[in-house]
Amino acid sequence: MATTETGPDGQTRCKWGNATDAYRHYHDTEWGYPVDIDFRLFEKICLEGFQSGLSWLTILNKRDNFRAAFCGFDFNKVADFTEGDIERLLGDAGIIRHRGKIEAAINNAKRAQEMVAQEGSLAAYFWRFEPADAQAVRADIPATSPESAALSKDLKKRGWKFVGPTTVYAFMQAMGLVNDHAETCVVRKKTEAARASFNKPD
């Protein structure tokens, strides 16, 4: 349900965005704003994979550690990670020490390189899956969508890991491919304006 509440600053925002100071800052400055920077897109889809089974707050609180551990999510560097790097990451208490997710991030970095070679950029590829009703106000926020299912299926076909439809929909919400801020959320008009002035990559 796309519910809102008034925060300690007197602003009405999506209810989840008032849960903690970290969520409030993330909600107000990042979530739902369109992104066309490949490293940021790669970072987000990797972190959504790490979130699987956990809360986003857990990942958000560790994001700086993840960035340090994964070379700022420069997929050209992560693609060269070795077994030694995997062992290093498994010993890093600042991140989520899950071998499958770590190996998936490295695999996905290689797949990202292939995608850039084939499609020109990650941004050009991902934004093809923007739904026609991306700006629609939803009374109920879905966990998946036809577009996230299609994107998930295509990514898996290309060899990406930890990219199920729910994970992919959360990625689409965060990166602005859909605008799921509630109608009365203080950030709604800001993200609408950002999307209106956004030049969709091709």
N, C-alpha and C. Protein backbone atom coordinates (compact mmCIF):
# COMPACT_ATOMS: atom_id res chain seq x y z
N MET A 1 0.85 -1.19 0.00
CA MET A 1 0.00 0.00 0.00
C MET A 1 0.89 1.24 0.00
N ALA A 2 0.59 2.17 -0.87
CA ALA A 2 1.37 3.39 -0.97
C ALA A 2 0.91 4.40 0.08
N THR A 3 1.24 4.15 1.34
CA THR A 3 0.81 5.02 2.42
C THR A 3 1.88 6.06 2.71
N THR A 4 1.45 7.17 3.31
CA THR A 4 2.38 8.23 3.68
C THR A 4 2.19 8.56 5.16
N GLU A 5 3.16 9.27 5.69
CA GLU A 5 3.05 9.79 7.04
C GLU A 5 3.92 11.03 7.15
N THR A 6 3.63 11.85 8.15
CA THR A 6 4.40 13.06 8.37
C THR A 6 5.62 12.75 9.22
N GLY A 7 6.78 13.18 8.74
CA GLY A 7 8.02 12.92 9.45
C GLY A 7 8.31 13.96 10.51
N PRO A 8 9.40 13.78 11.24
CA PRO A 8 9.76 14.72 12.31
C PRO A 8 10.06 16.13 11.81
N ASP A 9 10.30 16.25 10.49
CA ASP A 9 10.55 17.56 9.90
C ASP A 9 9.26 18.22 9.40
N GLY A 10 8.13 17.55 9.64
CA GLY A 10 6.85 18.10 9.20
C GLY A 10 6.49 17.81 7.77
N GLN A 11 7.33 17.07 7.05
CA GLN A 11 7.10 16.75 5.65
C GLN A 11 6.39 15.40 5.52
N THR A 12 5.44 15.33 4.60
CA THR A 12 4.74 14.08 4.33
C THR A 12 5.48 13.31 3.24
N ARG A 13 5.81 12.09 3.55
CA ARG A 13 6.54 11.27 2.57
C ARG A 13 6.07 9.82 2.66
N CYS A 14 6.51 8.99 1.72
CA CYS A 14 6.21 7.56 1.77
C CYS A 14 6.55 7.04 3.16
N LYS A 15 5.67 6.23 3.73
CA LYS A 15 5.82 5.82 5.13
C LYS A 15 7.18 5.20 5.41
N TRP A 16 7.66 4.35 4.51
CA TRP A 16 8.94 3.70 4.76
C TRP A 16 10.08 4.71 4.84
N GLY A 17 9.91 5.84 4.15
CA GLY A 17 10.95 6.85 4.11
C GLY A 17 11.13 7.61 5.41
N ASN A 18 10.23 7.41 6.35
CA ASN A 18 10.35 8.05 7.67
C ASN A 18 10.88 7.10 8.74
N ALA A 19 11.18 5.86 8.35
CA ALA A 19 11.53 4.84 9.35
C ALA A 19 12.81 5.17 10.11
N THR A 20 13.83 5.68 9.41
CA THR A 20 15.11 6.03 10.04
C THR A 20 15.68 7.25 9.32
N ASP A 21 16.67 7.88 9.91
CA ASP A 21 17.33 9.01 9.26
C ASP A 21 17.96 8.58 7.94
N ALA A 22 18.56 7.38 7.93
CA ALA A 22 19.21 6.89 6.71
C ALA A 22 18.18 6.68 5.61
N TYR A 23 17.05 6.08 5.95
CA TYR A 23 15.98 5.90 4.97
C TYR A 23 15.45 7.24 4.48
N ARG A 24 15.30 8.20 5.39
CA ARG A 24 14.75 9.50 5.01
C ARG A 24 15.65 10.18 3.97
N HIS A 25 16.95 10.14 4.20
CA HIS A 25 17.88 10.77 3.26
C HIS A 25 17.87 10.04 1.92
N TYR A 26 17.87 8.71 1.97
CA TYR A 26 17.85 7.91 0.74
C TYR A 26 16.56 8.14 -0.04
N HIS A 27 15.44 8.13 0.66
CA HIS A 27 14.13 8.36 0.04
C HIS A 27 14.07 9.73 -0.63
N ASP A 28 14.56 10.75 0.06
CA ASP A 28 14.41 12.13 -0.41
C ASP A 28 15.38 12.50 -1.53
N THR A 29 16.54 11.86 -1.57
CA THR A 29 17.59 12.30 -2.50
C THR A 29 17.95 11.30 -3.59
N GLU A 30 17.52 10.05 -3.45
CA GLU A 30 17.93 9.03 -4.43
C GLU A 30 16.77 8.25 -5.03
N TRP A 31 15.91 7.72 -4.19
CA TRP A 31 14.93 6.72 -4.63
C TRP A 31 13.93 7.33 -5.62
N GLY A 32 13.90 6.77 -6.81
CA GLY A 32 12.93 7.20 -7.81
C GLY A 32 13.44 8.25 -8.78
N TYR A 33 14.62 8.80 -8.54
CA TYR A 33 15.20 9.75 -9.48
C TYR A 33 15.89 8.98 -10.62
N PRO A 34 15.68 9.37 -11.87
CA PRO A 34 16.24 8.59 -13.00
C PRO A 34 17.76 8.61 -13.04
N VAL A 35 18.33 7.46 -13.30
CA VAL A 35 19.79 7.28 -13.33
C VAL A 35 20.21 6.72 -14.68
N ASP A 36 21.26 7.32 -15.26
CA ASP A 36 21.80 6.80 -16.52
C ASP A 36 23.31 6.60 -16.45
N ILE A 37 23.85 6.50 -15.23
CA ILE A 37 25.28 6.28 -15.03
C ILE A 37 25.50 4.78 -14.83
N ASP A 38 26.30 4.19 -15.71
CA ASP A 38 26.45 2.73 -15.71
C ASP A 38 26.93 2.18 -14.38
N PHE A 39 27.93 2.82 -13.75
CA PHE A 39 28.45 2.27 -12.50
C PHE A 39 27.40 2.31 -11.39
N ARG A 40 26.56 3.35 -11.40
CA ARG A 40 25.49 3.42 -10.39
C ARG A 40 24.44 2.36 -10.65
N LEU A 41 24.12 2.11 -11.90
CA LEU A 41 23.16 1.06 -12.23
C LEU A 41 23.71 -0.31 -11.83
N PHE A 42 24.99 -0.52 -12.11
CA PHE A 42 25.61 -1.80 -11.74
C PHE A 42 25.63 -1.96 -10.23
N GLU A 43 26.02 -0.89 -9.53
CA GLU A 43 26.04 -0.95 -8.07
C GLU A 43 24.67 -1.36 -7.52
N LYS A 44 23.63 -0.71 -8.02
CA LYS A 44 22.31 -0.94 -7.46
C LYS A 44 21.83 -2.36 -7.71
N ILE A 45 22.06 -2.87 -8.92
CA ILE A 45 21.56 -4.22 -9.18
C ILE A 45 22.35 -5.25 -8.39
N CYS A 46 23.62 -4.97 -8.14
CA CYS A 46 24.40 -5.86 -7.27
C CYS A 46 23.90 -5.80 -5.83
N LEU A 47 23.69 -4.59 -5.33
CA LEU A 47 23.25 -4.45 -3.94
C LEU A 47 21.85 -5.02 -3.74
N GLU A 48 20.99 -4.92 -4.74
CA GLU A 48 19.69 -5.56 -4.63
C GLU A 48 19.85 -7.07 -4.52
N GLY A 49 20.83 -7.62 -5.22
CA GLY A 49 21.10 -9.04 -5.09
C GLY A 49 21.59 -9.40 -3.70
N PHE A 50 22.46 -8.57 -3.14
CA PHE A 50 22.94 -8.80 -1.78
C PHE A 50 21.81 -8.67 -0.76
N GLN A 51 20.82 -7.84 -1.07
CA GLN A 51 19.71 -7.65 -0.14
C GLN A 51 18.82 -8.87 -0.03
N SER A 52 18.81 -9.72 -1.02
CA SER A 52 17.90 -10.86 -1.05
C SER A 52 17.86 -11.57 0.31
N GLY A 53 16.67 -11.58 0.93
CA GLY A 53 16.50 -12.21 2.23
C GLY A 53 16.80 -11.29 3.39
N LEU A 54 17.20 -10.05 3.11
CA LEU A 54 17.56 -9.09 4.15
C LEU A 54 16.77 -7.80 3.94
N SER A 55 16.93 -6.84 4.84
CA SER A 55 16.28 -5.55 4.67
C SER A 55 17.20 -4.62 3.88
N TRP A 56 16.59 -3.65 3.16
CA TRP A 56 17.41 -2.69 2.44
C TRP A 56 18.23 -1.83 3.41
N LEU A 57 17.71 -1.60 4.61
CA LEU A 57 18.45 -0.80 5.59
C LEU A 57 19.77 -1.46 5.94
N THR A 58 19.79 -2.78 6.02
CA THR A 58 21.04 -3.49 6.29
C THR A 58 22.06 -3.18 5.21
N ILE A 59 21.63 -3.21 3.96
CA ILE A 59 22.54 -2.93 2.84
C ILE A 59 22.92 -1.46 2.82
N LEU A 60 21.95 -0.58 3.04
CA LEU A 60 22.21 0.85 3.01
C LEU A 60 23.26 1.23 4.05
N ASN A 61 23.16 0.64 5.23
CA ASN A 61 24.12 0.95 6.29
C ASN A 61 25.52 0.44 5.98
N LYS A 62 25.62 -0.54 5.08
CA LYS A 62 26.91 -1.10 4.70
C LYS A 62 27.37 -0.63 3.32
N ARG A 63 26.64 0.29 2.71
CA ARG A 63 26.91 0.63 1.31
C ARG A 63 28.31 1.18 1.11
N ASP A 64 28.77 2.03 1.99
CA ASP A 64 30.13 2.57 1.83
C ASP A 64 31.17 1.46 1.91
N ASN A 65 30.93 0.47 2.78
CA ASN A 65 31.86 -0.67 2.87
C ASN A 65 31.82 -1.49 1.58
N PHE A 66 30.63 -1.68 1.04
CA PHE A 66 30.51 -2.39 -0.23
C PHE A 66 31.27 -1.66 -1.33
N ARG A 67 31.13 -0.35 -1.38
CA ARG A 67 31.80 0.43 -2.42
C ARG A 67 33.32 0.30 -2.31
N ALA A 68 33.82 0.31 -1.09
CA ALA A 68 35.26 0.14 -0.90
C ALA A 68 35.71 -1.26 -1.30
N ALA A 69 34.93 -2.25 -0.92
CA ALA A 69 35.29 -3.64 -1.18
C ALA A 69 35.21 -4.00 -2.67
N PHE A 70 34.29 -3.34 -3.41
CA PHE A 70 34.06 -3.67 -4.81
C PHE A 70 34.51 -2.55 -5.75
N CYS A 71 35.57 -1.83 -5.36
CA CYS A 71 36.20 -0.84 -6.24
C CYS A 71 35.19 0.18 -6.79
N GLY A 72 34.31 0.66 -5.92
CA GLY A 72 33.32 1.63 -6.37
C GLY A 72 32.34 1.06 -7.38
N PHE A 73 32.23 -0.26 -7.43
CA PHE A 73 31.38 -0.97 -8.39
C PHE A 73 31.75 -0.62 -9.83
N ASP A 74 33.02 -0.43 -10.05
CA ASP A 74 33.56 -0.33 -11.41
C ASP A 74 33.59 -1.75 -11.96
N PHE A 75 32.63 -2.08 -12.81
CA PHE A 75 32.51 -3.48 -13.25
C PHE A 75 33.71 -3.93 -14.06
N ASN A 76 34.45 -3.01 -14.65
CA ASN A 76 35.66 -3.40 -15.37
C ASN A 76 36.74 -3.90 -14.41
N LYS A 77 36.73 -3.41 -13.18
CA LYS A 77 37.68 -3.89 -12.17
C LYS A 77 37.15 -5.14 -11.48
N VAL A 78 35.85 -5.14 -11.16
CA VAL A 78 35.26 -6.29 -10.47
C VAL A 78 35.32 -7.54 -11.33
N ALA A 79 35.22 -7.37 -12.64
CA ALA A 79 35.28 -8.52 -13.55
C ALA A 79 36.60 -9.27 -13.45
N ASP A 80 37.65 -8.59 -12.98
CA ASP A 80 38.97 -9.20 -12.87
C ASP A 80 39.23 -9.80 -11.49
N PHE A 81 38.24 -9.78 -10.61
CA PHE A 81 38.44 -10.34 -9.27
C PHE A 81 38.75 -11.83 -9.38
N THR A 82 39.64 -12.27 -8.51
CA THR A 82 40.10 -13.66 -8.50
C THR A 82 39.56 -14.39 -7.27
N GLU A 83 39.93 -15.66 -7.15
CA GLU A 83 39.55 -16.43 -5.97
C GLU A 83 40.11 -15.77 -4.71
N GLY A 84 41.29 -15.16 -4.85
CA GLY A 84 41.86 -14.44 -3.71
C GLY A 84 40.98 -13.28 -3.28
N ASP A 85 40.38 -12.61 -4.24
CA ASP A 85 39.47 -11.51 -3.91
C ASP A 85 38.21 -12.04 -3.23
N ILE A 86 37.74 -13.20 -3.69
CA ILE A 86 36.56 -13.80 -3.06
C ILE A 86 36.85 -14.11 -1.60
N GLU A 87 38.02 -14.67 -1.33
CA GLU A 87 38.41 -14.97 0.06
C GLU A 87 38.54 -13.69 0.87
N ARG A 88 39.07 -12.65 0.26
CA ARG A 88 39.18 -11.35 0.94
C ARG A 88 37.80 -10.83 1.32
N LEU A 89 36.86 -10.92 0.39
CA LEU A 89 35.51 -10.43 0.63
C LEU A 89 34.78 -11.28 1.67
N LEU A 90 35.02 -12.57 1.66
CA LEU A 90 34.41 -13.44 2.67
C LEU A 90 34.91 -13.13 4.07
N GLY A 91 36.07 -12.49 4.16
CA GLY A 91 36.63 -12.11 5.45
C GLY A 91 36.32 -10.68 5.84
N ASP A 92 35.55 -9.97 5.01
CA ASP A 92 35.25 -8.56 5.24
C ASP A 92 33.94 -8.42 6.02
N ALA A 93 34.04 -8.11 7.30
CA ALA A 93 32.84 -8.00 8.14
C ALA A 93 31.99 -6.79 7.80
N GLY A 94 32.49 -5.90 6.97
CA GLY A 94 31.76 -4.69 6.61
C GLY A 94 30.71 -4.91 5.54
N ILE A 95 30.72 -6.09 4.90
CA ILE A 95 29.76 -6.38 3.85
C ILE A 95 28.96 -7.64 4.22
N ILE A 96 28.12 -8.10 3.31
CA ILE A 96 27.41 -9.37 3.50
C ILE A 96 28.30 -10.49 2.98
N ARG A 97 28.74 -11.35 3.88
CA ARG A 97 29.72 -12.39 3.51
C ARG A 97 28.99 -13.67 3.08
N HIS A 98 28.49 -13.61 1.86
CA HIS A 98 27.73 -14.72 1.28
C HIS A 98 28.42 -15.07 -0.03
N ARG A 99 29.02 -16.25 -0.07
CA ARG A 99 29.83 -16.62 -1.24
C ARG A 99 29.02 -16.54 -2.53
N GLY A 100 27.81 -17.05 -2.52
CA GLY A 100 27.01 -17.06 -3.74
C GLY A 100 26.75 -15.66 -4.26
N LYS A 101 26.46 -14.73 -3.35
CA LYS A 101 26.18 -13.35 -3.77
C LYS A 101 27.45 -12.64 -4.22
N ILE A 102 28.56 -12.91 -3.57
CA ILE A 102 29.84 -12.34 -3.98
C ILE A 102 30.21 -12.84 -5.38
N GLU A 103 30.10 -14.14 -5.58
CA GLU A 103 30.42 -14.71 -6.89
C GLU A 103 29.47 -14.18 -7.96
N ALA A 104 28.22 -13.96 -7.59
CA ALA A 104 27.25 -13.41 -8.54
C ALA A 104 27.64 -12.00 -8.96
N ALA A 105 28.12 -11.19 -8.03
CA ALA A 105 28.54 -9.82 -8.37
C ALA A 105 29.71 -9.83 -9.35
N ILE A 106 30.63 -10.75 -9.14
CA ILE A 106 31.78 -10.85 -10.05
C ILE A 106 31.32 -11.35 -11.42
N ASN A 107 30.47 -12.36 -11.41
CA ASN A 107 29.91 -12.86 -12.67
C ASN A 107 29.17 -11.74 -13.40
N ASN A 108 28.36 -10.98 -12.66
CA ASN A 108 27.57 -9.93 -13.29
C ASN A 108 28.44 -8.81 -13.83
N ALA A 109 29.59 -8.59 -13.23
CA ALA A 109 30.52 -7.59 -13.76
C ALA A 109 31.00 -8.01 -15.15
N LYS A 110 31.26 -9.28 -15.33
CA LYS A 110 31.67 -9.79 -16.64
C LYS A 110 30.52 -9.68 -17.64
N ARG A 111 29.33 -9.98 -17.17
CA ARG A 111 28.16 -9.85 -18.04
C ARG A 111 27.90 -8.38 -18.38
N ALA A 112 28.20 -7.48 -17.46
CA ALA A 112 28.04 -6.04 -17.72
C ALA A 112 29.01 -5.59 -18.82
N GLN A 113 30.22 -6.10 -18.79
CA GLN A 113 31.17 -5.77 -19.85
C GLN A 113 30.64 -6.23 -21.21
N GLU A 114 30.09 -7.43 -21.23
CA GLU A 114 29.51 -7.95 -22.48
C GLU A 114 28.35 -7.09 -22.93
N MET A 115 27.53 -6.65 -21.98
CA MET A 115 26.37 -5.85 -22.33
C MET A 115 26.78 -4.51 -22.92
N VAL A 116 27.80 -3.88 -22.33
CA VAL A 116 28.28 -2.61 -22.87
C VAL A 116 28.79 -2.80 -24.30
N ALA A 117 29.50 -3.91 -24.53
CA ALA A 117 30.01 -4.18 -25.87
C ALA A 117 28.88 -4.40 -26.87
N GLN A 118 27.80 -5.03 -26.42
CA GLN A 118 26.68 -5.36 -27.31
C GLN A 118 25.67 -4.23 -27.46
N GLU A 119 25.41 -3.51 -26.34
CA GLU A 119 24.30 -2.55 -26.32
C GLU A 119 24.75 -1.09 -26.27
N GLY A 120 26.03 -0.85 -26.04
CA GLY A 120 26.54 0.52 -25.95
C GLY A 120 26.71 1.00 -24.53
N SER A 121 25.77 0.66 -23.67
CA SER A 121 25.85 1.03 -22.26
C SER A 121 24.81 0.23 -21.48
N LEU A 122 25.01 0.12 -20.18
CA LEU A 122 24.00 -0.51 -19.34
C LEU A 122 22.73 0.34 -19.34
N ALA A 123 22.92 1.66 -19.31
CA ALA A 123 21.77 2.57 -19.27
C ALA A 123 20.87 2.38 -20.48
N ALA A 124 21.46 2.30 -21.65
CA ALA A 124 20.67 2.13 -22.88
C ALA A 124 19.86 0.85 -22.80
N TYR A 125 20.46 -0.19 -22.26
CA TYR A 125 19.77 -1.48 -22.15
C TYR A 125 18.64 -1.40 -21.13
N PHE A 126 18.94 -1.00 -19.91
CA PHE A 126 17.94 -1.02 -18.85
C PHE A 126 16.74 -0.12 -19.15
N TRP A 127 17.00 1.05 -19.75
CA TRP A 127 15.90 1.98 -19.97
C TRP A 127 14.94 1.53 -21.07
N ARG A 128 15.30 0.50 -21.81
CA ARG A 128 14.36 -0.07 -22.77
C ARG A 128 13.17 -0.73 -22.07
N PHE A 129 13.35 -1.04 -20.79
CA PHE A 129 12.32 -1.74 -20.04
C PHE A 129 11.46 -0.79 -19.21
N GLU A 130 11.62 0.51 -19.43
CA GLU A 130 10.77 1.48 -18.76
C GLU A 130 9.31 1.24 -19.18
N PRO A 131 8.38 1.06 -18.24
CA PRO A 131 6.98 0.82 -18.62
C PRO A 131 6.31 2.07 -19.15
N ALA A 132 5.29 1.88 -19.94
CA ALA A 132 4.56 3.01 -20.52
C ALA A 132 3.88 3.85 -19.45
N ASP A 133 3.51 3.21 -18.33
CA ASP A 133 2.83 3.92 -17.25
C ASP A 133 3.77 4.21 -16.08
N ALA A 134 5.02 4.52 -16.39
CA ALA A 134 6.04 4.69 -15.35
C ALA A 134 5.70 5.77 -14.34
N GLN A 135 4.93 6.78 -14.76
CA GLN A 135 4.59 7.89 -13.87
C GLN A 135 3.23 7.70 -13.19
N ALA A 136 2.60 6.58 -13.43
CA ALA A 136 1.27 6.35 -12.86
C ALA A 136 1.31 6.34 -11.33
N VAL A 137 0.30 6.93 -10.72
CA VAL A 137 0.18 6.89 -9.26
C VAL A 137 -0.52 5.57 -8.90
N ARG A 138 0.12 4.78 -8.07
CA ARG A 138 -0.42 3.47 -7.72
C ARG A 138 -0.92 3.47 -6.28
N ALA A 139 -2.14 3.03 -6.09
CA ALA A 139 -2.67 2.90 -4.73
C ALA A 139 -1.98 1.75 -4.02
N ASP A 140 -1.68 0.71 -4.76
CA ASP A 140 -0.96 -0.45 -4.23
C ASP A 140 0.33 -0.62 -5.01
N ILE A 141 1.44 -0.65 -4.31
CA ILE A 141 2.74 -0.80 -4.97
C ILE A 141 3.02 -2.29 -5.16
N PRO A 142 3.22 -2.73 -6.39
CA PRO A 142 3.46 -4.16 -6.63
C PRO A 142 4.88 -4.58 -6.25
N ALA A 143 5.08 -5.88 -6.11
CA ALA A 143 6.42 -6.41 -5.85
C ALA A 143 7.13 -6.74 -7.15
N THR A 144 6.34 -6.93 -8.20
CA THR A 144 6.89 -7.21 -9.54
C THR A 144 6.00 -6.51 -10.55
N SER A 145 6.41 -6.58 -11.80
CA SER A 145 5.61 -6.03 -12.89
C SER A 145 5.91 -6.83 -14.15
N PRO A 146 5.09 -6.71 -15.18
CA PRO A 146 5.41 -7.41 -16.43
C PRO A 146 6.79 -7.01 -16.96
N GLU A 147 7.14 -5.74 -16.79
CA GLU A 147 8.44 -5.27 -17.29
C GLU A 147 9.59 -5.85 -16.46
N SER A 148 9.40 -5.93 -15.14
CA SER A 148 10.48 -6.50 -14.32
C SER A 148 10.63 -7.99 -14.60
N ALA A 149 9.53 -8.66 -14.89
CA ALA A 149 9.60 -10.08 -15.25
C ALA A 149 10.33 -10.26 -16.56
N ALA A 150 10.05 -9.38 -17.52
CA ALA A 150 10.72 -9.46 -18.83
C ALA A 150 12.20 -9.14 -18.70
N LEU A 151 12.53 -8.13 -17.90
CA LEU A 151 13.94 -7.76 -17.70
C LEU A 151 14.68 -8.88 -16.99
N SER A 152 14.05 -9.44 -15.95
CA SER A 152 14.66 -10.54 -15.23
C SER A 152 14.95 -11.73 -16.15
N LYS A 153 13.98 -12.06 -16.97
CA LYS A 153 14.13 -13.19 -17.89
C LYS A 153 15.27 -12.95 -18.87
N ASP A 154 15.37 -11.72 -19.38
CA ASP A 154 16.41 -11.44 -20.36
C ASP A 154 17.79 -11.41 -19.70
N LEU A 155 17.87 -10.84 -18.49
CA LEU A 155 19.16 -10.83 -17.79
C LEU A 155 19.63 -12.26 -17.51
N LYS A 156 18.72 -13.10 -17.07
CA LYS A 156 19.10 -14.49 -16.79
C LYS A 156 19.55 -15.19 -18.07
N LYS A 157 18.89 -14.88 -19.17
CA LYS A 157 19.28 -15.46 -20.46
C LYS A 157 20.70 -15.03 -20.83
N ARG A 158 21.07 -13.81 -20.41
CA ARG A 158 22.41 -13.29 -20.68
C ARG A 158 23.44 -13.75 -19.66
N GLY A 159 22.99 -14.52 -18.66
CA GLY A 159 23.93 -15.09 -17.70
C GLY A 159 24.06 -14.36 -16.38
N TRP A 160 23.20 -13.35 -16.14
CA TRP A 160 23.26 -12.62 -14.87
C TRP A 160 22.67 -13.49 -13.76
N LYS A 161 23.13 -13.24 -12.52
CA LYS A 161 22.69 -14.00 -11.36
C LYS A 161 22.04 -13.08 -10.32
N PHE A 162 21.17 -13.66 -9.48
CA PHE A 162 20.46 -12.93 -8.43
C PHE A 162 19.68 -11.75 -9.01
N VAL A 163 18.96 -12.00 -10.07
CA VAL A 163 18.18 -10.95 -10.74
C VAL A 163 16.74 -11.44 -10.99
N GLY A 164 16.10 -11.91 -9.92
CA GLY A 164 14.71 -12.33 -10.04
C GLY A 164 13.79 -11.14 -10.24
N PRO A 165 12.53 -11.36 -10.61
CA PRO A 165 11.60 -10.27 -10.90
C PRO A 165 11.40 -9.28 -9.76
N THR A 166 11.38 -9.77 -8.52
CA THR A 166 11.20 -8.88 -7.36
C THR A 166 12.43 -8.01 -7.17
N THR A 167 13.61 -8.62 -7.25
CA THR A 167 14.86 -7.88 -7.15
C THR A 167 14.94 -6.82 -8.24
N VAL A 168 14.57 -7.20 -9.44
CA VAL A 168 14.65 -6.29 -10.58
C VAL A 168 13.63 -5.15 -10.44
N TYR A 169 12.44 -5.45 -9.90
CA TYR A 169 11.47 -4.37 -9.73
C TYR A 169 11.96 -3.34 -8.71
N ALA A 170 12.56 -3.81 -7.63
CA ALA A 170 13.13 -2.89 -6.63
C ALA A 170 14.22 -2.01 -7.27
N PHE A 171 15.01 -2.60 -8.14
CA PHE A 171 16.02 -1.86 -8.90
C PHE A 171 15.36 -0.79 -9.77
N MET A 172 14.29 -1.16 -10.46
CA MET A 172 13.60 -0.21 -11.33
C MET A 172 13.00 0.96 -10.54
N GLN A 173 12.45 0.66 -9.38
CA GLN A 173 11.91 1.72 -8.52
C GLN A 173 13.01 2.69 -8.09
N ALA A 174 14.10 2.15 -7.64
CA ALA A 174 15.18 2.98 -7.10
C ALA A 174 15.86 3.82 -8.16
N MET A 175 16.01 3.27 -9.35
CA MET A 175 16.74 3.95 -10.42
C MET A 175 15.84 4.82 -11.30
N GLY A 176 14.57 4.95 -10.91
CA GLY A 176 13.68 5.88 -11.58
C GLY A 176 13.01 5.37 -12.84
N LEU A 177 13.12 4.08 -13.14
CA LEU A 177 12.43 3.55 -14.30
C LEU A 177 10.92 3.52 -14.08
N VAL A 178 10.52 3.51 -12.81
CA VAL A 178 9.13 3.74 -12.44
C VAL A 178 9.13 4.75 -11.29
N ASN A 179 8.04 5.46 -11.14
CA ASN A 179 7.91 6.45 -10.07
C ASN A 179 6.88 5.94 -9.07
N ASP A 180 7.34 5.30 -8.01
CA ASP A 180 6.42 4.73 -7.04
C ASP A 180 6.31 5.54 -5.75
N HIS A 181 6.70 6.81 -5.79
CA HIS A 181 6.41 7.68 -4.66
C HIS A 181 4.90 7.89 -4.59
N ALA A 182 4.36 7.90 -3.39
CA ALA A 182 2.92 8.10 -3.20
C ALA A 182 2.51 9.49 -3.70
N GLU A 183 1.24 9.61 -4.07
CA GLU A 183 0.76 10.86 -4.67
C GLU A 183 0.97 12.06 -3.75
N THR A 184 0.83 11.87 -2.44
CA THR A 184 0.96 12.98 -1.50
C THR A 184 2.36 13.09 -0.88
N CYS A 185 3.28 12.27 -1.36
CA CYS A 185 4.67 12.33 -0.87
C CYS A 185 5.33 13.62 -1.34
N VAL A 186 6.09 14.27 -0.47
CA VAL A 186 6.75 15.53 -0.78
C VAL A 186 7.75 15.39 -1.93
N VAL A 187 8.24 14.18 -2.15
CA VAL A 187 9.25 13.95 -3.19
C VAL A 187 8.61 13.64 -4.54
N ARG A 188 7.32 13.34 -4.55
CA ARG A 188 6.65 12.91 -5.79
C ARG A 188 6.86 13.91 -6.94
N LYS A 189 6.59 15.19 -6.69
CA LYS A 189 6.71 16.18 -7.75
C LYS A 189 8.16 16.37 -8.18
N LYS A 190 9.09 16.19 -7.26
CA LYS A 190 10.52 16.32 -7.59
C LYS A 190 10.96 15.20 -8.54
N THR A 191 10.50 13.98 -8.26
CA THR A 191 10.87 12.88 -9.15
C THR A 191 10.14 12.98 -10.48
N GLU A 192 8.91 13.49 -10.46
CA GLU A 192 8.19 13.71 -11.72
C GLU A 192 8.95 14.72 -12.58
N ALA A 193 9.42 15.79 -11.96
CA ALA A 193 10.16 16.82 -12.70
C ALA A 193 11.48 16.28 -13.22
N ALA A 194 12.16 15.47 -12.39
CA ALA A 194 13.43 14.89 -12.81
C ALA A 194 13.25 13.96 -14.00
N ARG A 195 12.17 13.20 -13.98
CA ARG A 195 11.90 12.29 -15.10
C ARG A 195 11.51 13.07 -16.35
N ALA A 196 10.78 14.17 -16.17
CA ALA A 196 10.35 14.97 -17.32
C ALA A 196 11.53 15.59 -18.05
N SER A 197 12.58 15.93 -17.31
CA SER A 197 13.75 16.57 -17.92
C SER A 197 14.85 15.57 -18.27
N PHE A 198 14.60 14.31 -17.99
CA PHE A 198 15.60 13.26 -18.22
C PHE A 198 15.66 12.87 -19.68
N ASN A 199 16.85 12.82 -20.22
CA ASN A 199 17.04 12.37 -21.60
C ASN A 199 17.29 10.87 -21.58
N LYS A 200 16.31 10.14 -22.03
CA LYS A 200 16.40 8.68 -22.00
C LYS A 200 17.56 8.21 -22.87
N PRO A 201 18.47 7.39 -22.34
CA PRO A 201 19.62 6.94 -23.13
C PRO A 201 19.20 6.04 -24.29
N ASP A 202 19.98 6.09 -25.37
CA ASP A 202 19.68 5.23 -26.50
C ASP A 202 20.97 4.62 -27.04
